[in-house]
Amino acid sequence: MSQSRRLRRANGMKGSTVRKALESNTPLNSLYALIPQDRRKALDRFVRCFGLNPAGLHEALDRERL
Protein backbone atom coordinates (compact mmCIF):
# COMPACT_ATOMS: atom_id res chain seq x y z
CA MET A 1 0.00 0.00 0.00
CA SER A 2 1.36 3.41 -0.90
CA GLN A 3 2.21 5.93 1.79
CA SER A 4 -0.35 8.47 0.55
CA ARG A 5 -3.07 5.85 0.67
CA ARG A 6 -2.04 4.89 4.20
CA LEU A 7 -2.18 8.55 5.26
CA ARG A 8 -5.62 9.03 3.68
CA ARG A 9 -6.91 6.04 5.57
CA ALA A 10 -5.36 7.26 8.82
CA ASN A 11 -7.00 10.65 8.36
CA GLY A 12 -10.38 9.20 7.47
CA MET A 13 -10.29 10.81 4.02
CA LYS A 14 -11.93 7.96 2.16
CA GLY A 15 -13.14 8.53 -1.38
CA SER A 16 -16.80 8.48 -0.40
CA THR A 17 -16.21 11.03 2.37
CA VAL A 18 -14.37 13.39 0.04
CA ARG A 19 -17.02 12.97 -2.67
CA LYS A 20 -19.76 13.77 -0.15
CA ALA A 21 -17.88 16.89 0.95
CA LEU A 22 -17.47 18.06 -2.65
CA GLU A 23 -21.19 17.61 -3.35
CA SER A 24 -22.30 19.47 -0.22
CA ASN A 25 -23.60 23.05 -0.14
CA THR A 26 -20.33 24.24 1.40
CA PRO A 27 -17.61 22.13 -0.23
CA LEU A 28 -14.65 24.24 0.93
CA ASN A 29 -15.72 24.08 4.58
CA SER A 30 -16.60 20.40 4.30
CA LEU A 31 -13.17 19.53 2.90
CA TYR A 32 -11.43 21.72 5.49
CA ALA A 33 -13.33 19.88 8.23
CA LEU A 34 -11.78 16.60 7.04
CA ILE A 35 -8.29 17.88 7.84
CA PRO A 36 -7.27 16.88 11.36
CA GLN A 37 -6.82 19.81 13.74
CA ASP A 38 -3.13 19.06 14.25
CA ARG A 39 -2.44 19.20 10.48
CA ARG A 40 -4.05 22.58 9.77
CA LYS A 41 -0.83 24.51 10.47
CA ALA A 42 0.86 22.32 7.88
CA LEU A 43 -1.86 23.34 5.42
CA ASP A 44 -1.13 27.00 6.15
CA ARG A 45 2.56 26.37 5.39
CA PHE A 46 1.56 24.59 2.18
CA VAL A 47 -0.57 27.57 1.11
CA ARG A 48 2.39 29.89 1.73
CA CYS A 49 4.52 27.77 -0.65
CA PHE A 50 2.31 29.03 -3.47
CA GLY A 51 2.79 32.65 -2.43
CA LEU A 52 -0.70 32.91 -0.99
CA ASN A 53 -1.73 34.21 2.39
CA PRO A 54 -3.41 31.67 4.73
CA ALA A 55 -5.71 34.48 5.86
CA GLY A 56 -7.18 34.41 2.35
CA LEU A 57 -8.10 30.76 2.84
CA HIS A 58 -9.77 31.53 6.16
CA GLU A 59 -11.66 34.46 4.61
CA ALA A 60 -12.93 32.16 1.84
CA LEU A 61 -14.09 29.68 4.48
CA ASP A 62 -15.96 32.46 6.31
CA ARG A 63 -17.54 33.78 3.10
CA GLU A 64 -18.77 30.33 2.14
CA ARG A 65 -20.55 29.93 5.48
CA LEU A 66 -22.74 32.96 4.82
PDB file of N, CA and C in Angstrom:
ATOM      1  N   MET A   1       0.850  -1.172   0.000  1.00  0.00           N
ATOM      2  CA  MET A   1       0.000   0.000   0.000  1.00  0.00           C
ATOM      3  C   MET A   1       0.897   1.238   0.000  1.00  0.00           C
ATOM      4  N   SER A   2       0.538   2.210  -0.805  1.00  0.00           N
ATOM      5  CA  SER A   2       1.361   3.412  -0.897  1.00  0.00           C
ATOM      6  C   SER A   2       1.234   4.251   0.371  1.00  0.00           C
ATOM      7  N   GLN A   3       2.221   5.104   0.582  1.00  0.00           N
ATOM      8  CA  GLN A   3       2.214   5.934   1.786  1.00  0.00           C
ATOM      9  C   GLN A   3       1.049   6.913   1.763  1.00  0.00           C
ATOM     10  N   SER A   4       0.750   7.505   0.604  1.00  0.00           N
ATOM     11  CA  SER A   4      -0.351   8.470   0.545  1.00  0.00           C
ATOM     12  C   SER A   4      -1.682   7.793   0.851  1.00  0.00           C
ATOM     13  N   ARG A   5      -1.834   6.566   0.378  1.00  0.00           N
ATOM     14  CA  ARG A   5      -3.074   5.849   0.668  1.00  0.00           C
ATOM     15  C   ARG A   5      -3.183   5.540   2.156  1.00  0.00           C
ATOM     16  N   ARG A   6      -2.057   5.146   2.759  1.00  0.00           N
ATOM     17  CA  ARG A   6      -2.040   4.891   4.203  1.00  0.00           C
ATOM     18  C   ARG A   6      -2.424   6.146   4.974  1.00  0.00           C
ATOM     19  N   LEU A   7      -1.880   7.296   4.561  1.00  0.00           N
ATOM     20  CA  LEU A   7      -2.184   8.546   5.255  1.00  0.00           C
ATOM     21  C   LEU A   7      -3.648   8.926   5.090  1.00  0.00           C
ATOM     22  N   ARG A   8      -4.203   8.727   3.894  1.00  0.00           N
ATOM     23  CA  ARG A   8      -5.618   9.035   3.678  1.00  0.00           C
ATOM     24  C   ARG A   8      -6.479   8.183   4.586  1.00  0.00           C
ATOM     25  N   ARG A   9      -6.139   6.917   4.699  1.00  0.00           N
ATOM     26  CA  ARG A   9      -6.912   6.040   5.572  1.00  0.00           C
ATOM     27  C   ARG A   9      -6.779   6.466   7.027  1.00  0.00           C
ATOM     28  N   ALA A  10      -5.585   6.834   7.434  1.00  0.00           N
ATOM     29  CA  ALA A  10      -5.357   7.256   8.817  1.00  0.00           C
ATOM     30  C   ALA A  10      -6.142   8.517   9.128  1.00  0.00           C
ATOM     31  N   ASN A  11      -6.287   9.398   8.150  1.00  0.00           N
ATOM     32  CA  ASN A  11      -6.995  10.654   8.364  1.00  0.00           C
ATOM     33  C   ASN A  11      -8.495  10.525   8.156  1.00  0.00           C
ATOM     34  N   GLY A  12      -8.963   9.371   7.705  1.00  0.00           N
ATOM     35  CA  GLY A  12     -10.384   9.199   7.467  1.00  0.00           C
ATOM     36  C   GLY A  12     -10.848   9.847   6.177  1.00  0.00           C
ATOM     37  N   MET A  13      -9.926  10.151   5.277  1.00  0.00           N
ATOM     38  CA  MET A  13     -10.294  10.806   4.023  1.00  0.00           C
ATOM     39  C   MET A  13     -10.537   9.747   2.954  1.00  0.00           C
ATOM     40  N   LYS A  14     -11.573   8.977   3.127  1.00  0.00           N
ATOM     41  CA  LYS A  14     -11.930   7.960   2.155  1.00  0.00           C
ATOM     42  C   LYS A  14     -12.603   8.639   0.967  1.00  0.00           C
ATOM     43  N   GLY A  15     -12.577   7.971  -0.157  1.00  0.00           N
ATOM     44  CA  GLY A  15     -13.143   8.533  -1.383  1.00  0.00           C
ATOM     45  C   GLY A  15     -14.584   8.959  -1.229  1.00  0.00           C
ATOM     46  N   SER A  16     -15.387   8.142  -0.563  1.00  0.00           N
ATOM     47  CA  SER A  16     -16.801   8.482  -0.402  1.00  0.00           C
ATOM     48  C   SER A  16     -16.978   9.716   0.478  1.00  0.00           C
ATOM     49  N   THR A  17     -16.133   9.870   1.481  1.00  0.00           N
ATOM     50  CA  THR A  17     -16.214  11.031   2.370  1.00  0.00           C
ATOM     51  C   THR A  17     -15.845  12.306   1.627  1.00  0.00           C
ATOM     52  N   VAL A  18     -14.801  12.226   0.814  1.00  0.00           N
ATOM     53  CA  VAL A  18     -14.369  13.388   0.036  1.00  0.00           C
ATOM     54  C   VAL A  18     -15.430  13.738  -0.999  1.00  0.00           C
ATOM     55  N   ARG A  19     -15.983  12.736  -1.662  1.00  0.00           N
ATOM     56  CA  ARG A  19     -17.021  12.971  -2.671  1.00  0.00           C
ATOM     57  C   ARG A  19     -18.237  13.655  -2.040  1.00  0.00           C
ATOM     58  N   LYS A  20     -18.631  13.178  -0.859  1.00  0.00           N
ATOM     59  CA  LYS A  20     -19.764  13.770  -0.152  1.00  0.00           C
ATOM     60  C   LYS A  20     -19.485  15.239   0.182  1.00  0.00           C
ATOM     61  N   ALA A  21     -18.259  15.519   0.611  1.00  0.00           N
ATOM     62  CA  ALA A  21     -17.876  16.892   0.951  1.00  0.00           C
ATOM     63  C   ALA A  21     -17.932  17.785  -0.283  1.00  0.00           C
ATOM     64  N   LEU A  22     -17.467  17.268  -1.418  1.00  0.00           N
ATOM     65  CA  LEU A  22     -17.475  18.063  -2.651  1.00  0.00           C
ATOM     66  C   LEU A  22     -18.884  18.341  -3.147  1.00  0.00           C
ATOM     67  N   GLU A  23     -19.811  17.445  -2.878  1.00  0.00           N
ATOM     68  CA  GLU A  23     -21.187  17.605  -3.348  1.00  0.00           C
ATOM     69  C   GLU A  23     -22.057  18.369  -2.361  1.00  0.00           C
ATOM     70  N   SER A  24     -21.511  18.754  -1.226  1.00  0.00           N
ATOM     71  CA  SER A  24     -22.297  19.470  -0.219  1.00  0.00           C
ATOM     72  C   SER A  24     -22.511  20.926  -0.635  1.00  0.00           C
ATOM     73  N   ASN A  25     -23.326  21.630   0.141  1.00  0.00           N
ATOM     74  CA  ASN A  25     -23.599  23.047  -0.141  1.00  0.00           C
ATOM     75  C   ASN A  25     -22.397  23.931   0.158  1.00  0.00           C
ATOM     76  N   THR A  26     -21.537  23.487   1.032  1.00  0.00           N
ATOM     77  CA  THR A  26     -20.330  24.241   1.395  1.00  0.00           C
ATOM     78  C   THR A  26     -19.110  23.338   1.234  1.00  0.00           C
ATOM     79  N   PRO A  27     -18.692  23.092  -0.009  1.00  0.00           N
ATOM     80  CA  PRO A  27     -17.605  22.132  -0.235  1.00  0.00           C
ATOM     81  C   PRO A  27     -16.273  22.533   0.394  1.00  0.00           C
ATOM     82  N   LEU A  28     -15.936  23.813   0.372  1.00  0.00           N
ATOM     83  CA  LEU A  28     -14.653  24.239   0.932  1.00  0.00           C
ATOM     84  C   LEU A  28     -14.603  23.964   2.434  1.00  0.00           C
ATOM     85  N   ASN A  29     -15.666  24.327   3.134  1.00  0.00           N
ATOM     86  CA  ASN A  29     -15.721  24.083   4.577  1.00  0.00           C
ATOM     87  C   ASN A  29     -15.781  22.591   4.894  1.00  0.00           C
ATOM     88  N   SER A  30     -16.495  21.842   4.075  1.00  0.00           N
ATOM     89  CA  SER A  30     -16.598  20.399   4.302  1.00  0.00           C
ATOM     90  C   SER A  30     -15.246  19.716   4.127  1.00  0.00           C
ATOM     91  N   LEU A  31     -14.503  20.111   3.109  1.00  0.00           N
ATOM     92  CA  LEU A  31     -13.171  19.534   2.899  1.00  0.00           C
ATOM     93  C   LEU A  31     -12.212  19.959   4.004  1.00  0.00           C
ATOM     94  N   TYR A  32     -12.302  21.219   4.420  1.00  0.00           N
ATOM     95  CA  TYR A  32     -11.433  21.721   5.488  1.00  0.00           C
ATOM     96  C   TYR A  32     -11.706  20.964   6.793  1.00  0.00           C
ATOM     97  N   ALA A  33     -12.965  20.610   7.018  1.00  0.00           N
ATOM     98  CA  ALA A  33     -13.328  19.881   8.234  1.00  0.00           C
ATOM     99  C   ALA A  33     -12.722  18.479   8.260  1.00  0.00           C
ATOM    100  N   LEU A  34     -12.387  17.929   7.094  1.00  0.00           N
ATOM    101  CA  LEU A  34     -11.781  16.598   7.038  1.00  0.00           C
ATOM    102  C   LEU A  34     -10.317  16.606   7.464  1.00  0.00           C
ATOM    103  N   ILE A  35      -9.702  17.777   7.469  1.00  0.00           N
ATOM    104  CA  ILE A  35      -8.289  17.884   7.838  1.00  0.00           C
ATOM    105  C   ILE A  35      -8.189  17.852   9.364  1.00  0.00           C
ATOM    106  N   PRO A  36      -7.404  16.941   9.902  1.00  0.00           N
ATOM    107  CA  PRO A  36      -7.266  16.880  11.360  1.00  0.00           C
ATOM    108  C   PRO A  36      -6.733  18.205  11.919  1.00  0.00           C
ATOM    109  N   GLN A  37      -7.182  18.541  13.099  1.00  0.00           N
ATOM    110  CA  GLN A  37      -6.819  19.806  13.739  1.00  0.00           C
ATOM    111  C   GLN A  37      -5.307  20.001  13.810  1.00  0.00           C
ATOM    112  N   ASP A  38      -4.582  18.929  14.096  1.00  0.00           N
ATOM    113  CA  ASP A  38      -3.133  19.058  14.254  1.00  0.00           C
ATOM    114  C   ASP A  38      -2.396  19.197  12.922  1.00  0.00           C
ATOM    115  N   ARG A  39      -3.078  19.064  11.787  1.00  0.00           N
ATOM    116  CA  ARG A  39      -2.440  19.199  10.476  1.00  0.00           C
ATOM    117  C   ARG A  39      -2.795  20.513   9.783  1.00  0.00           C
ATOM    118  N   ARG A  40      -3.609  21.333  10.409  1.00  0.00           N
ATOM    119  CA  ARG A  40      -4.045  22.578   9.765  1.00  0.00           C
ATOM    120  C   ARG A  40      -2.927  23.601   9.649  1.00  0.00           C
ATOM    121  N   LYS A  41      -1.992  23.605  10.589  1.00  0.00           N
ATOM    122  CA  LYS A  41      -0.834  24.508  10.472  1.00  0.00           C
ATOM    123  C   LYS A  41       0.031  24.101   9.293  1.00  0.00           C
ATOM    124  N   ALA A  42       0.117  22.803   9.042  1.00  0.00           N
ATOM    125  CA  ALA A  42       0.864  22.319   7.878  1.00  0.00           C
ATOM    126  C   ALA A  42       0.184  22.784   6.594  1.00  0.00           C
ATOM    127  N   LEU A  43      -1.135  22.832   6.592  1.00  0.00           N
ATOM    128  CA  LEU A  43      -1.862  23.340   5.424  1.00  0.00           C
ATOM    129  C   LEU A  43      -1.542  24.813   5.203  1.00  0.00           C
ATOM    130  N   ASP A  44      -1.483  25.582   6.272  1.00  0.00           N
ATOM    131  CA  ASP A  44      -1.127  27.004   6.146  1.00  0.00           C
ATOM    132  C   ASP A  44       0.268  27.162   5.546  1.00  0.00           C
ATOM    133  N   ARG A  45       1.207  26.329   5.973  1.00  0.00           N
ATOM    134  CA  ARG A  45       2.557  26.372   5.386  1.00  0.00           C
ATOM    135  C   ARG A  45       2.519  25.995   3.910  1.00  0.00           C
ATOM    136  N   PHE A  46       1.705  25.021   3.569  1.00  0.00           N
ATOM    137  CA  PHE A  46       1.556  24.592   2.179  1.00  0.00           C
ATOM    138  C   PHE A  46       0.999  25.730   1.322  1.00  0.00           C
ATOM    139  N   VAL A  47       0.021  26.441   1.835  1.00  0.00           N
ATOM    140  CA  VAL A  47      -0.573  27.571   1.110  1.00  0.00           C
ATOM    141  C   VAL A  47       0.479  28.650   0.881  1.00  0.00           C
ATOM    142  N   ARG A  48       1.328  28.887   1.877  1.00  0.00           N
ATOM    143  CA  ARG A  48       2.392  29.893   1.733  1.00  0.00           C
ATOM    144  C   ARG A  48       3.393  29.516   0.648  1.00  0.00           C
ATOM    145  N   CYS A  49       3.594  28.228   0.409  1.00  0.00           N
ATOM    146  CA  CYS A  49       4.524  27.772  -0.648  1.00  0.00           C
ATOM    147  C   CYS A  49       4.104  28.281  -2.020  1.00  0.00           C
ATOM    148  N   PHE A  50       2.826  28.539  -2.195  1.00  0.00           N
ATOM    149  CA  PHE A  50       2.313  29.033  -3.469  1.00  0.00           C
ATOM    150  C   PHE A  50       2.229  30.551  -3.496  1.00  0.00           C
ATOM    151  N   GLY A  51       2.785  31.196  -2.476  1.00  0.00           N
ATOM    152  CA  GLY A  51       2.794  32.650  -2.427  1.00  0.00           C
ATOM    153  C   GLY A  51       1.464  33.246  -2.014  1.00  0.00           C
ATOM    154  N   LEU A  52       0.602  32.427  -1.436  1.00  0.00           N
ATOM    155  CA  LEU A  52      -0.701  32.912  -0.993  1.00  0.00           C
ATOM    156  C   LEU A  52      -0.678  33.137   0.512  1.00  0.00           C
ATOM    157  N   ASN A  53      -1.621  33.908   0.976  1.00  0.00           N
ATOM    158  CA  ASN A  53      -1.734  34.210   2.389  1.00  0.00           C
ATOM    159  C   ASN A  53      -2.767  33.267   3.012  1.00  0.00           C
ATOM    160  N   PRO A  54      -2.434  32.558   4.080  1.00  0.00           N
ATOM    161  CA  PRO A  54      -3.409  31.674   4.725  1.00  0.00           C
ATOM    162  C   PRO A  54      -4.662  32.420   5.188  1.00  0.00           C
ATOM    163  N   ALA A  55      -4.531  33.705   5.460  1.00  0.00           N
ATOM    164  CA  ALA A  55      -5.708  34.483   5.857  1.00  0.00           C
ATOM    165  C   ALA A  55      -6.739  34.493   4.735  1.00  0.00           C
ATOM    166  N   GLY A  56      -6.268  34.464   3.487  1.00  0.00           N
ATOM    167  CA  GLY A  56      -7.184  34.414   2.347  1.00  0.00           C
ATOM    168  C   GLY A  56      -8.004  33.136   2.348  1.00  0.00           C
ATOM    169  N   LEU A  57      -7.378  32.031   2.730  1.00  0.00           N
ATOM    170  CA  LEU A  57      -8.099  30.763   2.836  1.00  0.00           C
ATOM    171  C   LEU A  57      -9.169  30.858   3.911  1.00  0.00           C
ATOM    172  N   HIS A  58      -8.815  31.421   5.052  1.00  0.00           N
ATOM    173  CA  HIS A  58      -9.768  31.525   6.156  1.00  0.00           C
ATOM    174  C   HIS A  58     -10.895  32.498   5.819  1.00  0.00           C
ATOM    175  N   GLU A  59     -10.603  33.546   5.060  1.00  0.00           N
ATOM    176  CA  GLU A  59     -11.656  34.465   4.607  1.00  0.00           C
ATOM    177  C   GLU A  59     -12.614  33.748   3.665  1.00  0.00           C
ATOM    178  N   ALA A  60     -12.078  32.925   2.767  1.00  0.00           N
ATOM    179  CA  ALA A  60     -12.926  32.163   1.838  1.00  0.00           C
ATOM    180  C   ALA A  60     -13.823  31.190   2.604  1.00  0.00           C
ATOM    181  N   LEU A  61     -13.283  30.581   3.649  1.00  0.00           N
ATOM    182  CA  LEU A  61     -14.089  29.682   4.479  1.00  0.00           C
ATOM    183  C   LEU A  61     -15.226  30.447   5.145  1.00  0.00           C
ATOM    184  N   ASP A  62     -14.924  31.639   5.667  1.00  0.00           N
ATOM    185  CA  ASP A  62     -15.957  32.460   6.308  1.00  0.00           C
ATOM    186  C   ASP A  62     -17.015  32.911   5.315  1.00  0.00           C
ATOM    187  N   ARG A  63     -16.581  33.329   4.124  1.00  0.00           N
ATOM    188  CA  ARG A  63     -17.537  33.782   3.100  1.00  0.00           C
ATOM    189  C   ARG A  63     -18.469  32.651   2.681  1.00  0.00           C
ATOM    190  N   GLU A  64     -17.943  31.449   2.582  1.00  0.00           N
ATOM    191  CA  GLU A  64     -18.767  30.327   2.141  1.00  0.00           C
ATOM    192  C   GLU A  64     -19.844  29.989   3.169  1.00  0.00           C
ATOM    193  N   ARG A  65     -19.575  30.240   4.427  1.00  0.00           N
ATOM    194  CA  ARG A  65     -20.550  29.930   5.482  1.00  0.00           C
ATOM    195  C   ARG A  65     -21.773  30.837   5.423  1.00  0.00           C
ATOM    196  N   LEU A  66     -21.623  32.002   4.851  1.00  0.00           N
ATOM    197  CA  LEU A  66     -22.745  32.957   4.820  1.00  0.00           C
ATOM    198  C   LEU A  66     -23.822  32.546   3.864  1.00  0.00           C
TER     199      LEU A  66
END
